[in-house]
Amino acid sequence: MTSSLEPLPSYQTHIRALDSTRADVRIFFVDLSPEVEVRGRLMGPRCPGVSTIEVAYPLRHVRGAEYQVLIPEPNLWAPEHPFRYEGPVEFWRGGEAVGRINVSVGLRMEKA
Protein backbone atom coordinates (compact mmCIF):
# COMPACT_ATOMS: atom_id res chain seq x y z
CA MET A 1 0.00 0.00 0.00
CA THR A 2 1.65 3.19 -1.10
CA SER A 3 -1.06 5.57 0.13
CA SER A 4 -3.20 5.04 3.17
CA LEU A 5 -6.66 5.72 4.44
CA GLU A 6 -6.21 7.46 7.78
CA PRO A 7 -7.96 7.02 10.03
CA LEU A 8 -9.38 3.65 9.01
CA PRO A 9 -13.18 3.52 9.25
CA SER A 10 -14.61 1.92 12.36
CA TYR A 11 -17.60 -0.36 11.99
CA GLN A 12 -20.86 -1.31 13.65
CA THR A 13 -22.70 -4.56 13.14
CA HIS A 14 -26.44 -5.10 13.22
CA ILE A 15 -28.14 -8.49 13.01
CA ARG A 16 -31.13 -7.77 10.79
CA ALA A 17 -32.50 -11.34 10.84
CA LEU A 18 -31.39 -14.45 12.68
CA ASP A 19 -32.81 -17.93 13.00
CA SER A 20 -31.55 -21.48 12.54
CA THR A 21 -31.76 -21.22 8.74
CA ARG A 22 -30.02 -17.90 8.07
CA ALA A 23 -28.33 -14.82 9.46
CA ASP A 24 -28.56 -11.43 7.77
CA VAL A 25 -25.65 -9.41 9.16
CA ARG A 26 -25.33 -5.71 8.31
CA ILE A 27 -22.02 -3.91 8.66
CA PHE A 28 -21.95 -0.10 8.69
CA PHE A 29 -18.62 1.64 8.17
CA VAL A 30 -18.49 4.91 10.08
CA ASP A 31 -17.22 7.98 8.18
CA LEU A 32 -16.58 6.01 5.00
CA SER A 33 -15.82 8.31 2.08
CA PRO A 34 -18.02 7.68 -1.00
CA GLU A 35 -14.99 7.22 -3.28
CA VAL A 36 -13.68 4.31 -1.19
CA GLU A 37 -14.56 0.79 -2.35
CA VAL A 38 -15.00 -1.93 0.28
CA ARG A 39 -13.97 -5.54 -0.40
CA GLY A 40 -14.11 -8.34 2.10
CA ARG A 41 -15.66 -11.43 3.59
CA LEU A 42 -16.49 -13.08 6.87
CA MET A 43 -15.25 -16.61 7.45
CA GLY A 44 -16.47 -19.11 9.94
CA PRO A 45 -17.69 -20.44 12.13
CA ARG A 46 -14.68 -20.26 14.45
CA CYS A 47 -14.75 -21.43 18.06
CA PRO A 48 -11.83 -22.17 20.39
CA GLY A 49 -11.52 -25.89 21.01
CA VAL A 50 -14.12 -26.83 18.38
CA SER A 51 -13.24 -28.25 14.98
CA THR A 52 -15.30 -26.63 12.22
CA ILE A 53 -15.31 -26.37 8.47
CA GLU A 54 -14.98 -22.70 7.62
CA VAL A 55 -16.79 -21.09 4.74
CA ALA A 56 -16.18 -17.61 3.31
CA TYR A 57 -19.23 -15.33 3.05
CA PRO A 58 -18.71 -12.22 0.87
CA LEU A 59 -19.68 -8.68 1.82
CA ARG A 60 -22.30 -7.27 -0.53
CA HIS A 61 -22.89 -3.55 -0.90
CA VAL A 62 -26.42 -2.47 0.08
CA ARG A 63 -26.26 1.34 -0.02
CA GLY A 64 -23.96 4.09 1.20
CA ALA A 65 -21.69 2.66 3.89
CA GLU A 66 -23.95 -0.38 4.54
CA TYR A 67 -22.85 -3.89 3.59
CA GLN A 68 -24.57 -7.25 4.01
CA VAL A 69 -23.32 -10.75 4.76
CA LEU A 70 -25.77 -13.66 4.46
CA ILE A 71 -24.85 -16.79 6.42
CA PRO A 72 -26.95 -19.92 5.88
CA GLU A 73 -27.42 -22.25 8.87
CA PRO A 74 -25.30 -20.13 11.24
CA ASN A 75 -23.63 -21.40 14.39
CA LEU A 76 -24.83 -19.22 17.24
CA TRP A 77 -22.65 -17.67 19.92
CA ALA A 78 -23.09 -19.02 23.45
CA PRO A 79 -20.81 -18.74 26.51
CA GLU A 80 -19.95 -22.45 26.32
CA HIS A 81 -19.39 -22.30 22.52
CA PRO A 82 -18.45 -18.74 21.50
CA PHE A 83 -18.75 -19.15 17.72
CA ARG A 84 -17.62 -16.12 15.72
CA TYR A 85 -17.47 -15.10 12.08
CA GLU A 86 -14.39 -13.04 11.22
CA GLY A 87 -12.65 -11.76 8.18
CA PRO A 88 -10.53 -9.20 6.43
CA VAL A 89 -12.05 -6.06 4.95
CA GLU A 90 -9.98 -3.97 2.55
CA PHE A 91 -10.54 -0.38 1.49
CA TRP A 92 -9.63 0.60 -2.08
CA ARG A 93 -9.38 3.97 -3.81
CA GLY A 94 -8.51 4.39 -7.48
CA GLY A 95 -7.62 0.72 -7.91
CA GLU A 96 -5.17 0.80 -5.00
CA ALA A 97 -5.55 -0.84 -1.57
CA VAL A 98 -5.42 1.93 1.05
CA GLY A 99 -6.30 0.11 4.28
CA ARG A 100 -7.39 -3.10 5.94
CA ILE A 101 -9.23 -4.06 9.11
CA ASN A 102 -10.51 -7.31 10.59
CA VAL A 103 -14.26 -7.57 11.27
CA SER A 104 -15.61 -9.98 13.88
CA VAL A 105 -19.18 -10.81 14.91
CA GLY A 106 -20.88 -13.36 17.13
CA LEU A 107 -24.47 -14.32 16.32
CA ARG A 108 -26.67 -14.51 19.41
CA MET A 109 -30.43 -14.81 19.71
CA GLU A 110 -32.03 -12.15 21.87
CA LYS A 111 -33.87 -13.54 24.87
CA ALA A 112 -37.58 -12.72 24.94
C-alpha atoms as a PDB file:
ATOM      1  CA  MET A   1       0.000   0.000   0.000  1.00  0.00           C
ATOM      2  CA  THR A   2       1.648   3.189  -1.096  1.00  0.00           C
ATOM      3  CA  SER A   3      -1.058   5.571   0.126  1.00  0.00           C
ATOM      4  CA  SER A   4      -3.201   5.039   3.170  1.00  0.00           C
ATOM      5  CA  LEU A   5      -6.660   5.723   4.444  1.00  0.00           C
ATOM      6  CA  GLU A   6      -6.214   7.456   7.782  1.00  0.00           C
ATOM      7  CA  PRO A   7      -7.961   7.019  10.028  1.00  0.00           C
ATOM      8  CA  LEU A   8      -9.375   3.654   9.007  1.00  0.00           C
ATOM      9  CA  PRO A   9     -13.175   3.522   9.253  1.00  0.00           C
ATOM     10  CA  SER A  10     -14.608   1.924  12.363  1.00  0.00           C
ATOM     11  CA  TYR A  11     -17.602  -0.356  11.989  1.00  0.00           C
ATOM     12  CA  GLN A  12     -20.860  -1.307  13.652  1.00  0.00           C
ATOM     13  CA  THR A  13     -22.703  -4.564  13.142  1.00  0.00           C
ATOM     14  CA  HIS A  14     -26.442  -5.101  13.222  1.00  0.00           C
ATOM     15  CA  ILE A  15     -28.142  -8.486  13.011  1.00  0.00           C
ATOM     16  CA  ARG A  16     -31.125  -7.775  10.787  1.00  0.00           C
ATOM     17  CA  ALA A  17     -32.499 -11.339  10.837  1.00  0.00           C
ATOM     18  CA  LEU A  18     -31.389 -14.446  12.681  1.00  0.00           C
ATOM     19  CA  ASP A  19     -32.808 -17.931  12.997  1.00  0.00           C
ATOM     20  CA  SER A  20     -31.546 -21.481  12.544  1.00  0.00           C
ATOM     21  CA  THR A  21     -31.760 -21.222   8.743  1.00  0.00           C
ATOM     22  CA  ARG A  22     -30.015 -17.899   8.073  1.00  0.00           C
ATOM     23  CA  ALA A  23     -28.329 -14.821   9.456  1.00  0.00           C
ATOM     24  CA  ASP A  24     -28.563 -11.427   7.766  1.00  0.00           C
ATOM     25  CA  VAL A  25     -25.655  -9.409   9.156  1.00  0.00           C
ATOM     26  CA  ARG A  26     -25.328  -5.714   8.308  1.00  0.00           C
ATOM     27  CA  ILE A  27     -22.019  -3.905   8.659  1.00  0.00           C
ATOM     28  CA  PHE A  28     -21.952  -0.100   8.692  1.00  0.00           C
ATOM     29  CA  PHE A  29     -18.618   1.639   8.171  1.00  0.00           C
ATOM     30  CA  VAL A  30     -18.489   4.914  10.079  1.00  0.00           C
ATOM     31  CA  ASP A  31     -17.217   7.979   8.184  1.00  0.00           C
ATOM     32  CA  LEU A  32     -16.576   6.014   4.996  1.00  0.00           C
ATOM     33  CA  SER A  33     -15.815   8.307   2.084  1.00  0.00           C
ATOM     34  CA  PRO A  34     -18.017   7.676  -0.997  1.00  0.00           C
ATOM     35  CA  GLU A  35     -14.988   7.225  -3.282  1.00  0.00           C
ATOM     36  CA  VAL A  36     -13.684   4.309  -1.188  1.00  0.00           C
ATOM     37  CA  GLU A  37     -14.560   0.788  -2.348  1.00  0.00           C
ATOM     38  CA  VAL A  38     -15.002  -1.929   0.283  1.00  0.00           C
ATOM     39  CA  ARG A  39     -13.971  -5.538  -0.401  1.00  0.00           C
ATOM     40  CA  GLY A  40     -14.108  -8.344   2.099  1.00  0.00           C
ATOM     41  CA  ARG A  41     -15.656 -11.427   3.588  1.00  0.00           C
ATOM     42  CA  LEU A  42     -16.494 -13.080   6.866  1.00  0.00           C
ATOM     43  CA  MET A  43     -15.249 -16.613   7.448  1.00  0.00           C
ATOM     44  CA  GLY A  44     -16.470 -19.110   9.939  1.00  0.00           C
ATOM     45  CA  PRO A  45     -17.691 -20.440  12.125  1.00  0.00           C
ATOM     46  CA  ARG A  46     -14.684 -20.264  14.448  1.00  0.00           C
ATOM     47  CA  CYS A  47     -14.749 -21.431  18.059  1.00  0.00           C
ATOM     48  CA  PRO A  48     -11.828 -22.169  20.386  1.00  0.00           C
ATOM     49  CA  GLY A  49     -11.519 -25.895  21.007  1.00  0.00           C
ATOM     50  CA  VAL A  50     -14.123 -26.827  18.379  1.00  0.00           C
ATOM     51  CA  SER A  51     -13.237 -28.247  14.985  1.00  0.00           C
ATOM     52  CA  THR A  52     -15.302 -26.635  12.223  1.00  0.00           C
ATOM     53  CA  ILE A  53     -15.314 -26.373   8.467  1.00  0.00           C
ATOM     54  CA  GLU A  54     -14.977 -22.696   7.625  1.00  0.00           C
ATOM     55  CA  VAL A  55     -16.789 -21.093   4.740  1.00  0.00           C
ATOM     56  CA  ALA A  56     -16.177 -17.610   3.305  1.00  0.00           C
ATOM     57  CA  TYR A  57     -19.229 -15.332   3.049  1.00  0.00           C
ATOM     58  CA  PRO A  58     -18.713 -12.223   0.872  1.00  0.00           C
ATOM     59  CA  LEU A  59     -19.676  -8.676   1.822  1.00  0.00           C
ATOM     60  CA  ARG A  60     -22.297  -7.273  -0.533  1.00  0.00           C
ATOM     61  CA  HIS A  61     -22.894  -3.548  -0.898  1.00  0.00           C
ATOM     62  CA  VAL A  62     -26.419  -2.473   0.084  1.00  0.00           C
ATOM     63  CA  ARG A  63     -26.263   1.341  -0.023  1.00  0.00           C
ATOM     64  CA  GLY A  64     -23.964   4.085   1.199  1.00  0.00           C
ATOM     65  CA  ALA A  65     -21.692   2.661   3.890  1.00  0.00           C
ATOM     66  CA  GLU A  66     -23.946  -0.379   4.538  1.00  0.00           C
ATOM     67  CA  TYR A  67     -22.845  -3.895   3.592  1.00  0.00           C
ATOM     68  CA  GLN A  68     -24.569  -7.247   4.014  1.00  0.00           C
ATOM     69  CA  VAL A  69     -23.325 -10.748   4.764  1.00  0.00           C
ATOM     70  CA  LEU A  70     -25.769 -13.659   4.455  1.00  0.00           C
ATOM     71  CA  ILE A  71     -24.853 -16.792   6.423  1.00  0.00           C
ATOM     72  CA  PRO A  72     -26.949 -19.924   5.883  1.00  0.00           C
ATOM     73  CA  GLU A  73     -27.419 -22.253   8.873  1.00  0.00           C
ATOM     74  CA  PRO A  74     -25.299 -20.134  11.239  1.00  0.00           C
ATOM     75  CA  ASN A  75     -23.627 -21.402  14.390  1.00  0.00           C
ATOM     76  CA  LEU A  76     -24.831 -19.222  17.239  1.00  0.00           C
ATOM     77  CA  TRP A  77     -22.653 -17.674  19.916  1.00  0.00           C
ATOM     78  CA  ALA A  78     -23.092 -19.022  23.451  1.00  0.00           C
ATOM     79  CA  PRO A  79     -20.811 -18.741  26.507  1.00  0.00           C
ATOM     80  CA  GLU A  80     -19.949 -22.447  26.323  1.00  0.00           C
ATOM     81  CA  HIS A  81     -19.393 -22.295  22.522  1.00  0.00           C
ATOM     82  CA  PRO A  82     -18.446 -18.744  21.500  1.00  0.00           C
ATOM     83  CA  PHE A  83     -18.750 -19.152  17.723  1.00  0.00           C
ATOM     84  CA  ARG A  84     -17.621 -16.117  15.724  1.00  0.00           C
ATOM     85  CA  TYR A  85     -17.466 -15.099  12.085  1.00  0.00           C
ATOM     86  CA  GLU A  86     -14.392 -13.042  11.224  1.00  0.00           C
ATOM     87  CA  GLY A  87     -12.651 -11.760   8.177  1.00  0.00           C
ATOM     88  CA  PRO A  88     -10.532  -9.196   6.426  1.00  0.00           C
ATOM     89  CA  VAL A  89     -12.047  -6.058   4.946  1.00  0.00           C
ATOM     90  CA  GLU A  90      -9.984  -3.969   2.555  1.00  0.00           C
ATOM     91  CA  PHE A  91     -10.539  -0.381   1.489  1.00  0.00           C
ATOM     92  CA  TRP A  92      -9.631   0.604  -2.076  1.00  0.00           C
ATOM     93  CA  ARG A  93      -9.378   3.968  -3.812  1.00  0.00           C
ATOM     94  CA  GLY A  94      -8.511   4.389  -7.485  1.00  0.00           C
ATOM     95  CA  GLY A  95      -7.623   0.723  -7.908  1.00  0.00           C
ATOM     96  CA  GLU A  96      -5.172   0.795  -4.997  1.00  0.00           C
ATOM     97  CA  ALA A  97      -5.553  -0.842  -1.568  1.00  0.00           C
ATOM     98  CA  VAL A  98      -5.419   1.933   1.045  1.00  0.00           C
ATOM     99  CA  GLY A  99      -6.303   0.107   4.279  1.00  0.00           C
ATOM    100  CA  ARG A 100      -7.391  -3.099   5.938  1.00  0.00           C
ATOM    101  CA  ILE A 101      -9.227  -4.065   9.113  1.00  0.00           C
ATOM    102  CA  ASN A 102     -10.514  -7.306  10.593  1.00  0.00           C
ATOM    103  CA  VAL A 103     -14.257  -7.570  11.269  1.00  0.00           C
ATOM    104  CA  SER A 104     -15.608  -9.984  13.882  1.00  0.00           C
ATOM    105  CA  VAL A 105     -19.180 -10.811  14.909  1.00  0.00           C
ATOM    106  CA  GLY A 106     -20.883 -13.364  17.129  1.00  0.00           C
ATOM    107  CA  LEU A 107     -24.465 -14.324  16.316  1.00  0.00           C
ATOM    108  CA  ARG A 108     -26.671 -14.511  19.408  1.00  0.00           C
ATOM    109  CA  MET A 109     -30.427 -14.813  19.708  1.00  0.00           C
ATOM    110  CA  GLU A 110     -32.027 -12.150  21.869  1.00  0.00           C
ATOM    111  CA  LYS A 111     -33.875 -13.541  24.870  1.00  0.00           C
ATOM    112  CA  ALA A 112     -37.581 -12.716  24.937  1.00  0.00           C
END
